[in-house]
Amino acid sequence: MGVFCSSSLGVDASHAALAADLGRRLASEGVGVVFGGGRVGLMGVLADAAMAAGGEVIGVIPNFLDEIEVAHQGLTELHLVADMHERKQLMYSLSDGFCALPGGLGTLEELFEAATWTQLGLHDGGRFKPVVLLDQDGFWTPLAGFFAKIIELGFVRPDKAAIIRRAASIDEALALLSTPLS
């Protein structure tokens, strides 16, 4: 599963705790993690927790970000790629679905592109790949409201409303990630 999250820890320690809990849970369920490849921030917390729990963790990081986000060297696999486009393309091809933890512009960009690819049928020959916002503490509430607004205003068709789904817990996120779009 692809996980989008920040290369920063942010100011709320609960976000790091959530990243660690998700990493451990995915490992215990035998679900591999595909992420941005950094050893810092929520990315590092997620990867370290999943690896410590015996999980498979695949990182994908552009060469230029290796210096900023510092590529995580303790992973199952680490792919160094040329640029952000290649990073996302490889992450999308290696993932069956996507879960977004709290993050900034990069997290938003990744989750919107993954959702757009689902809307346009670009994943693996049109295969549906779910996108779930893990919203344990309301972090994603404003974005969910915005998404509802663009549907209301006719910029996204109502039948596409379930492309981006919201979960209040890891259990709910895993259930949504295994439930196809109807």
Protein backbone atom coordinates (compact mmCIF):
# COMPACT_ATOMS: atom_id res chain seq x y z
CA MET A 1 0.00 0.00 0.00
CA GLY A 2 1.22 3.48 -0.84
CA VAL A 3 1.37 5.87 2.10
CA PHE A 4 1.61 9.61 1.56
CA CYS A 5 2.94 11.57 4.53
CA SER A 6 5.20 14.40 5.56
CA SER A 7 8.97 14.63 5.67
CA SER A 8 8.34 16.77 8.76
CA LEU A 9 7.11 15.69 12.18
CA GLY A 10 4.83 18.72 12.48
CA VAL A 11 3.97 20.15 15.89
CA ASP A 12 1.45 17.54 17.08
CA ALA A 13 3.09 14.37 18.44
CA SER A 14 -0.11 12.42 17.79
CA HIS A 15 0.67 12.48 14.05
CA ALA A 16 3.97 10.65 14.61
CA ALA A 17 2.19 8.18 16.88
CA LEU A 18 -0.39 7.56 14.12
CA ALA A 19 2.38 7.01 11.54
CA ALA A 20 4.07 4.48 13.84
CA ASP A 21 0.78 2.71 14.58
CA LEU A 22 -0.01 2.47 10.87
CA GLY A 23 3.47 1.12 10.07
CA ARG A 24 3.20 -1.57 12.75
CA ARG A 25 -0.34 -2.48 11.75
CA LEU A 26 0.49 -2.84 8.06
CA ALA A 27 3.44 -5.07 8.96
CA SER A 28 1.28 -7.23 11.25
CA GLU A 29 -1.32 -7.60 8.46
CA GLY A 30 1.38 -8.57 5.93
CA VAL A 31 0.74 -5.43 3.87
CA GLY A 32 3.85 -3.94 2.31
CA VAL A 33 4.47 -0.20 2.54
CA VAL A 34 5.43 1.96 -0.43
CA PHE A 35 6.40 5.50 0.58
CA GLY A 36 8.53 8.49 -0.36
CA GLY A 37 11.79 6.94 0.83
CA GLY A 38 12.88 9.55 3.40
CA ARG A 39 14.20 8.71 6.84
CA VAL A 40 12.94 11.99 8.36
CA GLY A 41 9.56 13.19 9.58
CA LEU A 42 6.44 11.05 9.47
CA MET A 43 7.99 9.12 6.56
CA GLY A 44 10.85 7.95 8.77
CA VAL A 45 8.55 7.13 11.69
CA LEU A 46 6.26 5.05 9.44
CA ALA A 47 9.15 3.17 7.82
CA ASP A 48 11.01 2.52 11.08
CA ALA A 49 7.88 1.15 12.77
CA ALA A 50 6.98 -1.10 9.85
CA MET A 51 10.56 -2.42 9.54
CA ALA A 52 10.83 -3.02 13.31
CA ALA A 53 7.61 -5.06 13.11
CA GLY A 54 9.06 -7.22 10.34
CA GLY A 55 7.23 -5.57 7.44
CA GLU A 56 8.23 -5.02 3.85
CA VAL A 57 9.00 -1.35 3.18
CA ILE A 58 9.81 0.07 -0.25
CA GLY A 59 11.04 3.64 -0.54
CA VAL A 60 11.06 5.75 -3.71
CA ILE A 61 13.05 8.98 -3.61
CA PRO A 62 14.39 11.33 -6.29
CA ASN A 63 18.14 11.86 -6.31
CA PHE A 64 17.80 15.58 -5.50
CA LEU A 65 15.64 14.86 -2.43
CA ASP A 66 18.12 12.34 -1.10
CA GLU A 67 20.05 15.34 0.26
CA ILE A 68 16.96 17.04 1.81
CA GLU A 69 14.82 14.13 3.02
CA VAL A 70 17.84 11.85 3.41
CA ALA A 71 17.07 8.49 1.84
CA HIS A 72 16.28 5.79 4.37
CA GLN A 73 18.98 3.13 4.08
CA GLY A 74 17.34 0.48 6.28
CA LEU A 75 14.50 -0.54 3.96
CA THR A 76 13.57 -3.73 2.17
CA GLU A 77 14.08 -1.83 -1.10
CA LEU A 78 15.10 1.72 -1.94
CA HIS A 79 14.62 3.13 -5.42
CA LEU A 80 16.53 6.29 -6.35
CA VAL A 81 14.78 7.94 -9.30
CA ALA A 82 15.41 10.97 -11.51
CA ASP A 83 12.55 13.26 -10.47
CA MET A 84 9.19 13.68 -8.73
CA HIS A 85 7.23 12.42 -11.74
CA GLU A 86 9.19 9.18 -11.83
CA ARG A 87 8.80 8.87 -8.03
CA LYS A 88 5.02 9.09 -8.18
CA GLN A 89 4.72 6.85 -11.22
CA LEU A 90 6.76 4.11 -9.54
CA MET A 91 4.92 4.51 -6.22
CA TYR A 92 1.57 4.25 -8.02
CA SER A 93 2.61 1.16 -9.97
CA LEU A 94 3.89 -0.59 -6.82
CA SER A 95 0.74 0.17 -4.78
CA ASP A 96 -2.76 -1.34 -4.74
CA GLY A 97 -4.20 1.62 -2.84
CA PHE A 98 -3.15 4.77 -1.03
CA CYS A 99 -3.47 6.09 2.50
CA ALA A 100 -2.71 9.72 3.34
CA LEU A 101 -1.45 10.68 6.77
CA PRO A 102 -1.13 14.33 7.79
CA GLY A 103 1.26 16.25 5.59
CA GLY A 104 1.85 19.36 3.56
CA LEU A 105 1.94 20.30 -0.11
CA GLY A 106 3.77 17.16 -1.24
CA THR A 107 1.25 14.91 0.50
CA LEU A 108 -1.63 16.85 -1.03
CA GLU A 109 -0.06 16.70 -4.48
CA GLU A 110 0.50 12.94 -4.27
CA LEU A 111 -2.99 12.13 -3.03
CA PHE A 112 -4.69 14.38 -5.61
CA GLU A 113 -2.66 12.90 -8.46
CA ALA A 114 -3.44 9.34 -7.30
CA ALA A 115 -7.15 10.26 -7.08
CA THR A 116 -7.04 11.91 -10.51
CA TRP A 117 -5.44 8.80 -12.01
CA THR A 118 -8.30 6.75 -10.53
CA GLN A 119 -10.88 9.17 -11.93
CA LEU A 120 -9.28 9.01 -15.39
CA GLY A 121 -8.67 5.24 -15.31
CA LEU A 122 -4.88 5.58 -15.61
CA HIS A 123 -3.84 3.06 -12.91
CA ASP A 124 -2.84 -0.29 -14.40
CA GLY A 125 -5.18 -0.16 -17.37
CA GLY A 126 -8.08 1.49 -15.55
CA ARG A 127 -7.88 -0.48 -12.30
CA PHE A 128 -9.46 1.26 -9.31
CA LYS A 129 -6.95 2.14 -6.60
CA PRO A 130 -8.59 3.59 -3.49
CA VAL A 131 -7.37 6.77 -1.80
CA VAL A 132 -8.12 7.06 1.92
CA LEU A 133 -7.47 10.00 4.21
CA LEU A 134 -6.55 8.66 7.65
CA ASP A 135 -8.31 11.29 9.72
CA GLN A 136 -8.03 10.16 13.32
CA ASP A 137 -8.04 13.69 14.73
CA GLY A 138 -9.89 15.81 12.15
CA PHE A 139 -6.77 16.90 10.24
CA TRP A 140 -8.47 16.18 6.90
CA THR A 141 -11.89 17.70 7.79
CA PRO A 142 -11.31 20.97 5.85
CA LEU A 143 -10.17 19.05 2.76
CA ALA A 144 -13.18 16.74 2.95
CA GLY A 145 -15.42 19.82 3.09
CA PHE A 146 -13.68 21.29 0.05
CA PHE A 147 -14.06 18.01 -1.85
CA ALA A 148 -17.79 17.98 -1.02
CA LYS A 149 -18.02 21.59 -2.26
CA ILE A 150 -16.45 20.86 -5.66
CA ILE A 151 -18.88 17.97 -6.08
CA GLU A 152 -21.79 20.22 -5.10
CA LEU A 153 -20.67 22.84 -7.63
CA GLY A 154 -20.41 20.28 -10.43
CA PHE A 155 -16.62 20.19 -10.84
CA VAL A 156 -16.50 16.51 -9.85
CA ARG A 157 -19.35 14.17 -10.74
CA PRO A 158 -21.28 12.79 -7.74
CA ASP A 159 -20.52 9.22 -8.86
CA LYS A 160 -16.83 10.01 -8.28
CA ALA A 161 -17.34 11.15 -4.67
CA ALA A 162 -15.96 7.88 -3.27
CA ILE A 163 -12.60 8.21 -5.03
CA ILE A 164 -11.27 9.98 -1.94
CA ARG A 165 -12.63 8.43 1.24
CA ARG A 166 -12.07 9.39 4.85
CA ALA A 167 -11.38 7.07 7.80
CA ALA A 168 -11.39 7.92 11.50
CA SER A 169 -9.18 4.96 12.46
CA ILE A 170 -6.60 2.57 11.07
CA ASP A 171 -9.21 -0.23 11.16
CA GLU A 172 -11.61 1.84 9.08
CA ALA A 173 -8.85 2.89 6.67
CA LEU A 174 -7.84 -0.74 6.06
CA ALA A 175 -11.48 -1.70 5.50
CA LEU A 176 -11.96 1.14 2.99
CA LEU A 177 -8.72 0.28 1.22
CA SER A 178 -9.98 -3.25 0.65
CA THR A 179 -13.43 -2.15 -0.51
CA PRO A 180 -13.78 -1.43 -4.22
CA LEU A 181 -15.42 1.73 -5.50
CA SER A 182 -19.07 1.06 -6.20
